[in-house]
Every structure is written in C-alpha cells, then in structure tokens.
C-alpha cells in the first residue's frame, strides 16, 4: 500500500501508538495483562479504546484527504501538470 507508506512520520507514530493502546485495552478487558490499579477496570479500558481511536484519526484523515484530492482535483483548485494548457496551444485565447 504505497499511500500508507508515504504518510508523515508523526502520523505513522500516532497510528502505531493508537494500535498499541487498542491492543492494551483488549488485554486489560480480558485480564490477560496485569496492570497497575488505575489502569484496570472497564472505565480505564473504555478510555484506552477512545484514546486509541483518537490517535488513529489523523492517519485516516490524511489518507482521505489525499484520496479526495486525486479523485476530484477540481474541488481543491489544483490542476495536474498534464492538464495545464501549454503556451501556443490551439485552444489558447491568444492563438
């Protein structure tokens, strides 16, 4: 997946922390991993789930933004280099 590997490093780090937090919350809910008392229980696991999802949102946003720019460049007022009129083009108004 080429687009995923081209994400900024900070976004990838947030994504990894979010995934780790989700795994940690799963292990905490099923009591597979002993944690200190403030991090045990359903409330702590629920907070870890929401924090993990929140940490994964920037990567999803960047990927959706890039996809939208590729699919509909007119919405973002960007034109690809091949779509730009060349000087001396027969469709040029000064021709």
PDB file of N, CA and C in Angstrom:
ATOM      1  N   UNK A   1       0.848  -1.168   0.000  1.00  0.00           N
ATOM      2  CA  UNK A   1       0.000   0.000   0.000  1.00  0.00           C
ATOM      3  C   UNK A   1       0.894   1.231   0.000  1.00  0.00           C
ATOM      4  N   UNK A   2       1.085   1.784  -1.148  1.00  0.00           N
ATOM      5  CA  UNK A   2       2.042   2.853  -1.324  1.00  0.00           C
ATOM      6  C   UNK A   2       1.650   4.133  -0.585  1.00  0.00           C
ATOM      7  N   UNK A   3       0.388   4.489  -0.611  1.00  0.00           N
ATOM      8  CA  UNK A   3      -0.059   5.736   0.014  1.00  0.00           C
ATOM      9  C   UNK A   3       0.159   5.707   1.528  1.00  0.00           C
ATOM     10  N   UNK A   4       0.010   4.520   2.128  1.00  0.00           N
ATOM     11  CA  UNK A   4       0.183   4.429   3.575  1.00  0.00           C
ATOM     12  C   UNK A   4       1.641   4.628   3.962  1.00  0.00           C
ATOM     13  N   UNK A   5       2.560   4.175   3.125  1.00  0.00           N
ATOM     14  CA  UNK A   5       3.974   4.316   3.456  1.00  0.00           C
ATOM     15  C   UNK A   5       4.468   5.745   3.245  1.00  0.00           C
ATOM     16  N   UNK A   6       3.711   6.558   2.552  1.00  0.00           N
ATOM     17  CA  UNK A   6       4.120   7.936   2.306  1.00  0.00           C
ATOM     18  C   UNK A   6       3.523   8.914   3.311  1.00  0.00           C
ATOM     19  N   UNK A   7       2.911   8.409   4.360  1.00  0.00           N
ATOM     20  CA  UNK A   7       2.373   9.293   5.394  1.00  0.00           C
ATOM     21  C   UNK A   7       3.520   9.929   6.168  1.00  0.00           C
ATOM     22  N   UNK A   8       3.313  11.126   6.695  1.00  0.00           N
ATOM     23  CA  UNK A   8       4.352  11.751   7.519  1.00  0.00           C
ATOM     24  C   UNK A   8       4.688  10.880   8.735  1.00  0.00           C
ATOM     25  N   UNK A   9       5.929  10.960   9.152  1.00  0.00           N
ATOM     26  CA  UNK A   9       6.411  10.115  10.244  1.00  0.00           C
ATOM     27  C   UNK A   9       5.600  10.321  11.523  1.00  0.00           C
ATOM     28  N   UNK A  10       5.244  11.564  11.831  1.00  0.00           N
ATOM     29  CA  UNK A  10       4.479  11.835  13.049  1.00  0.00           C
ATOM     30  C   UNK A  10       3.112  11.152  13.004  1.00  0.00           C
ATOM     31  N   UNK A  11       2.488  11.133  11.839  1.00  0.00           N
ATOM     32  CA  UNK A  11       1.181  10.495  11.703  1.00  0.00           C
ATOM     33  C   UNK A  11       1.310   8.982  11.867  1.00  0.00           C
ATOM     34  N   UNK A  12       2.372   8.412  11.313  1.00  0.00           N
ATOM     35  CA  UNK A  12       2.597   6.975  11.467  1.00  0.00           C
ATOM     36  C   UNK A  12       2.852   6.603  12.926  1.00  0.00           C
ATOM     37  N   UNK A  13       3.591   7.440  13.639  1.00  0.00           N
ATOM     38  CA  UNK A  13       3.863   7.176  15.053  1.00  0.00           C
ATOM     39  C   UNK A  13       2.562   7.226  15.854  1.00  0.00           C
ATOM     40  N   UNK A  14       1.706   8.202  15.566  1.00  0.00           N
ATOM     41  CA  UNK A  14       0.409   8.275  16.243  1.00  0.00           C
ATOM     42  C   UNK A  14      -0.435   7.039  15.941  1.00  0.00           C
ATOM     43  N   UNK A  15      -0.376   6.585  14.706  1.00  0.00           N
ATOM     44  CA  UNK A  15      -1.126   5.392  14.311  1.00  0.00           C
ATOM     45  C   UNK A  15      -0.652   4.171  15.101  1.00  0.00           C
ATOM     46  N   UNK A  16       0.650   4.020  15.227  1.00  0.00           N
ATOM     47  CA  UNK A  16       1.204   2.880  15.964  1.00  0.00           C
ATOM     48  C   UNK A  16       0.821   2.954  17.438  1.00  0.00           C
ATOM     49  N   UNK A  17       0.905   4.132  18.039  1.00  0.00           N
ATOM     50  CA  UNK A  17       0.510   4.284  19.441  1.00  0.00           C
ATOM     51  C   UNK A  17      -0.975   3.972  19.627  1.00  0.00           C
ATOM     52  N   UNK A  18      -1.790   4.372  18.681  1.00  0.00           N
ATOM     53  CA  UNK A  18      -3.217   4.067  18.759  1.00  0.00           C
ATOM     54  C   UNK A  18      -3.489   2.574  18.702  1.00  0.00           C
ATOM     55  N   UNK A  19      -2.793   1.894  17.808  1.00  0.00           N
ATOM     56  CA  UNK A  19      -2.957   0.440  17.700  1.00  0.00           C
ATOM     57  C   UNK A  19      -2.493  -0.242  18.984  1.00  0.00           C
ATOM     58  N   UNK A  20      -1.358   0.195  19.509  1.00  0.00           N
ATOM     59  CA  UNK A  20      -0.860  -0.393  20.758  1.00  0.00           C
ATOM     60  C   UNK A  20      -1.817  -0.152  21.912  1.00  0.00           C
ATOM     61  N   UNK A  21      -2.420   1.022  21.947  1.00  0.00           N
ATOM     62  CA  UNK A  21      -3.383   1.327  23.004  1.00  0.00           C
ATOM     63  C   UNK A  21      -4.639   0.460  22.886  1.00  0.00           C
ATOM     64  N   UNK A  22      -5.074   0.195  21.661  1.00  0.00           N
ATOM     65  CA  UNK A  22      -6.223  -0.685  21.467  1.00  0.00           C
ATOM     66  C   UNK A  22      -5.899  -2.118  21.896  1.00  0.00           C
ATOM     67  N   UNK A  23      -4.706  -2.579  21.568  1.00  0.00           N
ATOM     68  CA  UNK A  23      -4.292  -3.917  21.995  1.00  0.00           C
ATOM     69  C   UNK A  23      -4.208  -3.979  23.515  1.00  0.00           C
ATOM     70  N   UNK A  24      -3.658  -2.945  24.115  1.00  0.00           N
ATOM     71  CA  UNK A  24      -3.546  -2.896  25.573  1.00  0.00           C
ATOM     72  C   UNK A  24      -4.926  -2.901  26.239  1.00  0.00           C
ATOM     73  N   UNK A  25      -5.866  -2.183  25.665  1.00  0.00           N
ATOM     74  CA  UNK A  25      -7.215  -2.170  26.239  1.00  0.00           C
ATOM     75  C   UNK A  25      -7.879  -3.537  26.111  1.00  0.00           C
ATOM     76  N   UNK A  26      -7.650  -4.224  25.002  1.00  0.00           N
ATOM     77  CA  UNK A  26      -8.194  -5.567  24.826  1.00  0.00           C
ATOM     78  C   UNK A  26      -7.627  -6.516  25.876  1.00  0.00           C
ATOM     79  N   UNK A  27      -6.316  -6.464  26.049  1.00  0.00           N
ATOM     80  CA  UNK A  27      -5.682  -7.340  27.031  1.00  0.00           C
ATOM     81  C   UNK A  27      -6.119  -6.998  28.460  1.00  0.00           C
ATOM     82  N   UNK A  28      -6.371  -5.742  28.722  1.00  0.00           N
ATOM     83  CA  UNK A  28      -6.838  -5.331  30.041  1.00  0.00           C
ATOM     84  C   UNK A  28      -8.269  -5.807  30.296  1.00  0.00           C
ATOM     85  N   UNK A  29      -9.123  -5.688  29.304  1.00  0.00           N
ATOM     86  CA  UNK A  29     -10.518  -6.123  29.468  1.00  0.00           C
ATOM     87  C   UNK A  29     -10.623  -7.621  29.734  1.00  0.00           C
ATOM     88  N   UNK A  30      -9.778  -8.393  29.082  1.00  0.00           N
ATOM     89  CA  UNK A  30      -9.820  -9.840  29.248  1.00  0.00           C
ATOM     90  C   UNK A  30      -8.872 -10.337  30.341  1.00  0.00           C
ATOM     91  N   UNK A  31      -8.333  -9.420  31.106  1.00  0.00           N
ATOM     92  CA  UNK A  31      -7.457  -9.712  32.245  1.00  0.00           C
ATOM     93  C   UNK A  31      -6.299 -10.634  31.885  1.00  0.00           C
ATOM     94  N   UNK A  32      -5.736 -10.413  30.702  1.00  0.00           N
ATOM     95  CA  UNK A  32      -4.575 -11.182  30.260  1.00  0.00           C
ATOM     96  C   UNK A  32      -3.267 -10.506  30.644  1.00  0.00           C
ATOM     97  N   UNK A  33      -3.346  -9.225  30.941  1.00  0.00           N
ATOM     98  CA  UNK A  33      -2.152  -8.454  31.248  1.00  0.00           C
ATOM     99  C   UNK A  33      -2.378  -7.709  32.562  1.00  0.00           C
ATOM    100  N   UNK A  34      -1.593  -8.025  33.580  1.00  0.00           N
ATOM    101  CA  UNK A  34      -1.772  -7.301  34.849  1.00  0.00           C
ATOM    102  C   UNK A  34      -1.184  -5.890  34.757  1.00  0.00           C
ATOM    103  N   UNK A  35      -2.001  -4.920  35.066  1.00  0.00           N
ATOM    104  CA  UNK A  35      -1.588  -3.521  35.040  1.00  0.00           C
ATOM    105  C   UNK A  35      -1.777  -2.926  36.435  1.00  0.00           C
ATOM    106  N   UNK A  36      -1.164  -1.779  36.703  1.00  0.00           N
ATOM    107  CA  UNK A  36      -1.403  -1.103  37.986  1.00  0.00           C
ATOM    108  C   UNK A  36      -2.886  -0.774  38.160  1.00  0.00           C
ATOM    109  N   UNK A  37      -3.293  -0.591  39.368  1.00  0.00           N
ATOM    110  CA  UNK A  37      -4.719  -0.429  39.684  1.00  0.00           C
ATOM    111  C   UNK A  37      -5.431   0.708  38.929  1.00  0.00           C
ATOM    112  N   UNK A  38      -4.795   1.859  38.649  1.00  0.00           N
ATOM    113  CA  UNK A  38      -5.558   2.890  37.911  1.00  0.00           C
ATOM    114  C   UNK A  38      -5.884   2.480  36.476  1.00  0.00           C
ATOM    115  N   UNK A  39      -5.161   1.500  35.920  1.00  0.00           N
ATOM    116  CA  UNK A  39      -5.360   1.108  34.530  1.00  0.00           C
ATOM    117  C   UNK A  39      -6.168  -0.169  34.373  1.00  0.00           C
ATOM    118  N   UNK A  40      -6.730  -0.678  35.438  1.00  0.00           N
ATOM    119  CA  UNK A  40      -7.580  -1.868  35.348  1.00  0.00           C
ATOM    120  C   UNK A  40      -9.030  -1.452  35.465  1.00  0.00           C
ATOM    121  N   UNK A  41      -9.894  -2.285  34.970  1.00  0.00           N
ATOM    122  CA  UNK A  41     -11.315  -2.000  35.051  1.00  0.00           C
ATOM    123  C   UNK A  41     -11.883  -1.567  33.711  1.00  0.00           C
ATOM    124  N   UNK A  42     -13.200  -1.556  33.656  1.00  0.00           N
ATOM    125  CA  UNK A  42     -13.889  -1.246  32.406  1.00  0.00           C
ATOM    126  C   UNK A  42     -13.764   0.225  32.015  1.00  0.00           C
ATOM    127  N   UNK A  43     -13.758   1.108  32.999  1.00  0.00           N
ATOM    128  CA  UNK A  43     -13.642   2.536  32.690  1.00  0.00           C
ATOM    129  C   UNK A  43     -12.290   2.842  32.053  1.00  0.00           C
ATOM    130  N   UNK A  44     -11.230   2.305  32.618  1.00  0.00           N
ATOM    131  CA  UNK A  44      -9.896   2.537  32.065  1.00  0.00           C
ATOM    132  C   UNK A  44      -9.780   1.937  30.668  1.00  0.00           C
ATOM    133  N   UNK A  45     -10.343   0.749  30.459  1.00  0.00           N
ATOM    134  CA  UNK A  45     -10.298   0.121  29.136  1.00  0.00           C
ATOM    135  C   UNK A  45     -11.093   0.935  28.119  1.00  0.00           C
ATOM    136  N   UNK A  46     -12.234   1.453  28.539  1.00  0.00           N
ATOM    137  CA  UNK A  46     -13.037   2.284  27.641  1.00  0.00           C
ATOM    138  C   UNK A  46     -12.288   3.557  27.261  1.00  0.00           C
ATOM    139  N   UNK A  47     -11.644   4.174  28.222  1.00  0.00           N
ATOM    140  CA  UNK A  47     -10.851   5.370  27.925  1.00  0.00           C
ATOM    141  C   UNK A  47      -9.685   5.053  26.994  1.00  0.00           C
ATOM    142  N   UNK A  48      -9.070   3.890  27.187  1.00  0.00           N
ATOM    143  CA  UNK A  48      -7.973   3.491  26.291  1.00  0.00           C
ATOM    144  C   UNK A  48      -8.483   3.247  24.876  1.00  0.00           C
ATOM    145  N   UNK A  49      -9.669   2.695  24.749  1.00  0.00           N
ATOM    146  CA  UNK A  49     -10.247   2.464  23.417  1.00  0.00           C
ATOM    147  C   UNK A  49     -10.485   3.794  22.712  1.00  0.00           C
ATOM    148  N   UNK A  50     -11.105   4.734  23.414  1.00  0.00           N
ATOM    149  CA  UNK A  50     -11.370   6.040  22.793  1.00  0.00           C
ATOM    150  C   UNK A  50     -10.076   6.780  22.479  1.00  0.00           C
ATOM    151  N   UNK A  51      -9.096   6.696  23.353  1.00  0.00           N
ATOM    152  CA  UNK A  51      -7.806   7.347  23.092  1.00  0.00           C
ATOM    153  C   UNK A  51      -7.103   6.690  21.907  1.00  0.00           C
ATOM    154  N   UNK A  52      -7.182   5.369  21.807  1.00  0.00           N
ATOM    155  CA  UNK A  52      -6.567   4.670  20.675  1.00  0.00           C
ATOM    156  C   UNK A  52      -7.196   5.054  19.359  1.00  0.00           C
ATOM    157  N   UNK A  53      -8.518   5.156  19.340  1.00  0.00           N
ATOM    158  CA  UNK A  53      -9.204   5.572  18.116  1.00  0.00           C
ATOM    159  C   UNK A  53      -8.861   7.016  17.779  1.00  0.00           C
ATOM    160  N   UNK A  54      -8.799   7.874  18.783  1.00  0.00           N
ATOM    161  CA  UNK A  54      -8.452   9.283  18.545  1.00  0.00           C
ATOM    162  C   UNK A  54      -7.036   9.410  17.987  1.00  0.00           C
ATOM    163  N   UNK A  55      -6.124   8.564  18.430  1.00  0.00           N
ATOM    164  CA  UNK A  55      -4.761   8.618  17.916  1.00  0.00           C
ATOM    165  C   UNK A  55      -4.669   8.099  16.478  1.00  0.00           C
ATOM    166  N   UNK A  56      -5.621   7.285  16.070  1.00  0.00           N
ATOM    167  CA  UNK A  56      -5.610   6.750  14.709  1.00  0.00           C
ATOM    168  C   UNK A  56      -6.324   7.653  13.705  1.00  0.00           C
ATOM    169  N   UNK A  57      -7.064   8.625  14.176  1.00  0.00           N
ATOM    170  CA  UNK A  57      -7.816   9.513  13.278  1.00  0.00           C
ATOM    171  C   UNK A  57      -6.949  10.372  12.352  1.00  0.00           C
ATOM    172  N   UNK A  58      -5.795  10.908  12.793  1.00  0.00           N
ATOM    173  CA  UNK A  58      -5.009  11.720  11.856  1.00  0.00           C
ATOM    174  C   UNK A  58      -4.570  10.960  10.607  1.00  0.00           C
ATOM    175  N   UNK A  59      -4.208   9.697  10.742  1.00  0.00           N
ATOM    176  CA  UNK A  59      -3.802   8.914   9.576  1.00  0.00           C
ATOM    177  C   UNK A  59      -4.981   8.722   8.623  1.00  0.00           C
ATOM    178  N   UNK A  60      -6.145   8.440   9.175  1.00  0.00           N
ATOM    179  CA  UNK A  60      -7.332   8.272   8.336  1.00  0.00           C
ATOM    180  C   UNK A  60      -7.684   9.578   7.630  1.00  0.00           C
ATOM    181  N   UNK A  61      -7.532  10.681   8.331  1.00  0.00           N
ATOM    182  CA  UNK A  61      -7.831  11.986   7.732  1.00  0.00           C
ATOM    183  C   UNK A  61      -6.877  12.302   6.590  1.00  0.00           C
ATOM    184  N   UNK A  62      -5.602  12.054   6.795  1.00  0.00           N
ATOM    185  CA  UNK A  62      -4.611  12.317   5.738  1.00  0.00           C
ATOM    186  C   UNK A  62      -4.886  11.443   4.524  1.00  0.00           C
ATOM    187  N   UNK A  63      -5.188  10.174   4.748  1.00  0.00           N
ATOM    188  CA  UNK A  63      -5.445   9.272   3.624  1.00  0.00           C
ATOM    189  C   UNK A  63      -6.715   9.671   2.871  1.00  0.00           C
ATOM    190  N   UNK A  64      -7.769  10.066   3.593  1.00  0.00           N
ATOM    191  CA  UNK A  64      -8.998  10.504   2.928  1.00  0.00           C
ATOM    192  C   UNK A  64      -8.770  11.804   2.161  1.00  0.00           C
ATOM    193  N   UNK A  65      -7.993  12.718   2.734  1.00  0.00           N
ATOM    194  CA  UNK A  65      -7.717  13.993   2.069  1.00  0.00           C
ATOM    195  C   UNK A  65      -6.960  13.761   0.766  1.00  0.00           C
ATOM    196  N   UNK A  66      -5.948  12.897   0.805  1.00  0.00           N
ATOM    197  CA  UNK A  66      -5.183  12.608  -0.412  1.00  0.00           C
ATOM    198  C   UNK A  66      -6.041  11.914  -1.460  1.00  0.00           C
ATOM    199  N   UNK A  67      -6.902  11.018  -1.026  1.00  0.00           N
ATOM    200  CA  UNK A  67      -7.791  10.325  -1.961  1.00  0.00           C
ATOM    201  C   UNK A  67      -8.761  11.303  -2.605  1.00  0.00           C
ATOM    202  N   UNK A  68      -9.297  12.207  -1.807  1.00  0.00           N
ATOM    203  CA  UNK A  68     -10.228  13.201  -2.346  1.00  0.00           C
ATOM    204  C   UNK A  68      -9.532  14.118  -3.348  1.00  0.00           C
ATOM    205  N   UNK A  69      -8.289  14.495  -3.074  1.00  0.00           N
ATOM    206  CA  UNK A  69      -7.566  15.367  -3.999  1.00  0.00           C
ATOM    207  C   UNK A  69      -7.280  14.666  -5.315  1.00  0.00           C
ATOM    208  N   UNK A  70      -7.052  13.363  -5.284  1.00  0.00           N
ATOM    209  CA  UNK A  70      -6.793  12.620  -6.515  1.00  0.00           C
ATOM    210  C   UNK A  70      -8.080  12.396  -7.294  1.00  0.00           C
ATOM    211  N   UNK A  71      -9.166  12.102  -6.581  1.00  0.00           N
ATOM    212  CA  UNK A  71     -10.424  11.790  -7.258  1.00  0.00           C
ATOM    213  C   UNK A  71     -11.131  13.024  -7.810  1.00  0.00           C
ATOM    214  N   UNK A  72     -11.007  14.143  -7.139  1.00  0.00           N
ATOM    215  CA  UNK A  72     -11.708  15.350  -7.576  1.00  0.00           C
ATOM    216  C   UNK A  72     -10.801  16.565  -7.434  1.00  0.00           C
ATOM    217  N   UNK A  73      -9.813  16.727  -8.323  1.00  0.00           N
ATOM    218  CA  UNK A  73      -8.900  17.862  -8.195  1.00  0.00           C
ATOM    219  C   UNK A  73      -9.585  19.212  -8.412  1.00  0.00           C
ATOM    220  N   UNK A  74     -10.725  19.216  -9.088  1.00  0.00           N
ATOM    221  CA  UNK A  74     -11.429  20.480  -9.323  1.00  0.00           C
ATOM    222  C   UNK A  74     -11.942  21.084  -8.014  1.00  0.00           C
ATOM    223  N   UNK A  75     -12.236  20.240  -7.042  1.00  0.00           N
ATOM    224  CA  UNK A  75     -12.737  20.739  -5.770  1.00  0.00           C
ATOM    225  C   UNK A  75     -11.676  21.476  -4.973  1.00  0.00           C
ATOM    226  N   UNK A  76     -10.424  21.183  -5.255  1.00  0.00           N
ATOM    227  CA  UNK A  76      -9.324  21.769  -4.499  1.00  0.00           C
ATOM    228  C   UNK A  76      -8.554  22.806  -5.310  1.00  0.00           C
ATOM    229  N   UNK A  77      -9.066  23.167  -6.482  1.00  0.00           N
ATOM    230  CA  UNK A  77      -8.449  24.165  -7.357  1.00  0.00           C
ATOM    231  C   UNK A  77      -7.003  23.830  -7.699  1.00  0.00           C
ATOM    232  N   UNK A  78      -6.727  22.556  -7.877  1.00  0.00           N
ATOM    233  CA  UNK A  78      -5.403  22.138  -8.307  1.00  0.00           C
ATOM    234  C   UNK A  78      -5.547  21.436  -9.641  1.00  0.00           C
ATOM    235  N   UNK A  79      -4.633  21.704 -10.513  1.00  0.00           N
ATOM    236  CA  UNK A  79      -4.640  21.057 -11.815  1.00  0.00           C
ATOM    237  C   UNK A  79      -3.342  20.289 -11.966  1.00  0.00           C
ATOM    238  N   UNK A  80      -3.433  19.159 -12.527  1.00  0.00           N
ATOM    239  CA  UNK A  80      -2.239  18.364 -12.779  1.00  0.00           C
ATOM    240  C   UNK A  80      -1.424  19.010 -13.883  1.00  0.00           C
ATOM    241  N   UNK A  81      -0.152  18.704 -13.903  1.00  0.00           N
ATOM    242  CA  UNK A  81       0.729  19.326 -14.893  1.00  0.00           C
ATOM    243  C   UNK A  81       0.326  18.944 -16.308  1.00  0.00           C
ATOM    244  N   UNK A  82      -0.226  17.760 -16.520  1.00  0.00           N
ATOM    245  CA  UNK A  82      -0.629  17.370 -17.868  1.00  0.00           C
ATOM    246  C   UNK A  82      -1.905  18.076 -18.299  1.00  0.00           C
ATOM    247  N   UNK A  83      -2.702  18.572 -17.342  1.00  0.00           N
ATOM    248  CA  UNK A  83      -3.949  19.253 -17.663  1.00  0.00           C
ATOM    249  C   UNK A  83      -3.756  20.747 -17.906  1.00  0.00           C
ATOM    250  N   UNK A  84      -2.599  21.288 -17.548  1.00  0.00           N
ATOM    251  CA  UNK A  84      -2.367  22.715 -17.722  1.00  0.00           C
ATOM    252  C   UNK A  84      -2.184  23.029 -19.210  1.00  0.00           C
ATOM    253  N   UNK A  85      -2.772  24.121 -19.661  1.00  0.00           N
ATOM    254  CA  UNK A  85      -2.587  24.472 -21.071  1.00  0.00           C
ATOM    255  C   UNK A  85      -1.144  24.893 -21.336  1.00  0.00           C
ATOM    256  N   UNK A  86      -0.631  24.444 -22.459  1.00  0.00           N
ATOM    257  CA  UNK A  86       0.737  24.783 -22.837  1.00  0.00           C
ATOM    258  C   UNK A  86       0.722  26.077 -23.651  1.00  0.00           C
ATOM    259  N   UNK A  87       1.787  26.847 -23.549  1.00  0.00           N
ATOM    260  CA  UNK A  87       1.832  28.060 -24.381  1.00  0.00           C
ATOM    261  C   UNK A  87       1.786  27.672 -25.861  1.00  0.00           C
ATOM    262  N   UNK A  88       0.986  28.395 -26.596  1.00  0.00           N
ATOM    263  CA  UNK A  88       0.867  28.109 -28.018  1.00  0.00           C
ATOM    264  C   UNK A  88      -0.139  27.019 -28.304  1.00  0.00           C
ATOM    265  N   UNK A  89      -0.911  26.632 -27.315  1.00  0.00           N
ATOM    266  CA  UNK A  89      -1.924  25.602 -27.509  1.00  0.00           C
ATOM    267  C   UNK A  89      -2.996  26.158 -28.443  1.00  0.00           C
ATOM    268  N   UNK A  90      -3.566  25.293 -29.266  1.00  0.00           N
ATOM    269  CA  UNK A  90      -4.565  25.757 -30.243  1.00  0.00           C
ATOM    270  C   UNK A  90      -5.845  26.224 -29.562  1.00  0.00           C
ATOM    271  N   UNK A  91      -6.066  25.850 -28.335  1.00  0.00           N
ATOM    272  CA  UNK A  91      -7.266  26.290 -27.621  1.00  0.00           C
ATOM    273  C   UNK A  91      -6.998  27.543 -26.792  1.00  0.00           C
ATOM    274  N   UNK A  92      -5.822  28.097 -26.909  1.00  0.00           N
ATOM    275  CA  UNK A  92      -5.467  29.294 -26.172  1.00  0.00           C
ATOM    276  C   UNK A  92      -6.227  30.490 -26.751  1.00  0.00           C
ATOM    277  N   UNK A  93      -6.693  31.388 -25.917  1.00  0.00           N
ATOM    278  CA  UNK A  93      -7.461  32.562 -26.381  1.00  0.00           C
ATOM    279  C   UNK A  93      -6.602  33.505 -27.189  1.00  0.00           C
ATOM    280  N   UNK A  94      -5.285  33.534 -26.975  1.00  0.00           N
ATOM    281  CA  UNK A  94      -4.411  34.436 -27.708  1.00  0.00           C
ATOM    282  C   UNK A  94      -3.921  33.837 -29.024  1.00  0.00           C
ATOM    283  N   UNK A  95      -4.352  32.669 -29.381  1.00  0.00           N
ATOM    284  CA  UNK A  95      -3.863  32.000 -30.566  1.00  0.00           C
ATOM    285  C   UNK A  95      -4.461  32.557 -31.818  1.00  0.00           C
TER     286      UNK A  95
END
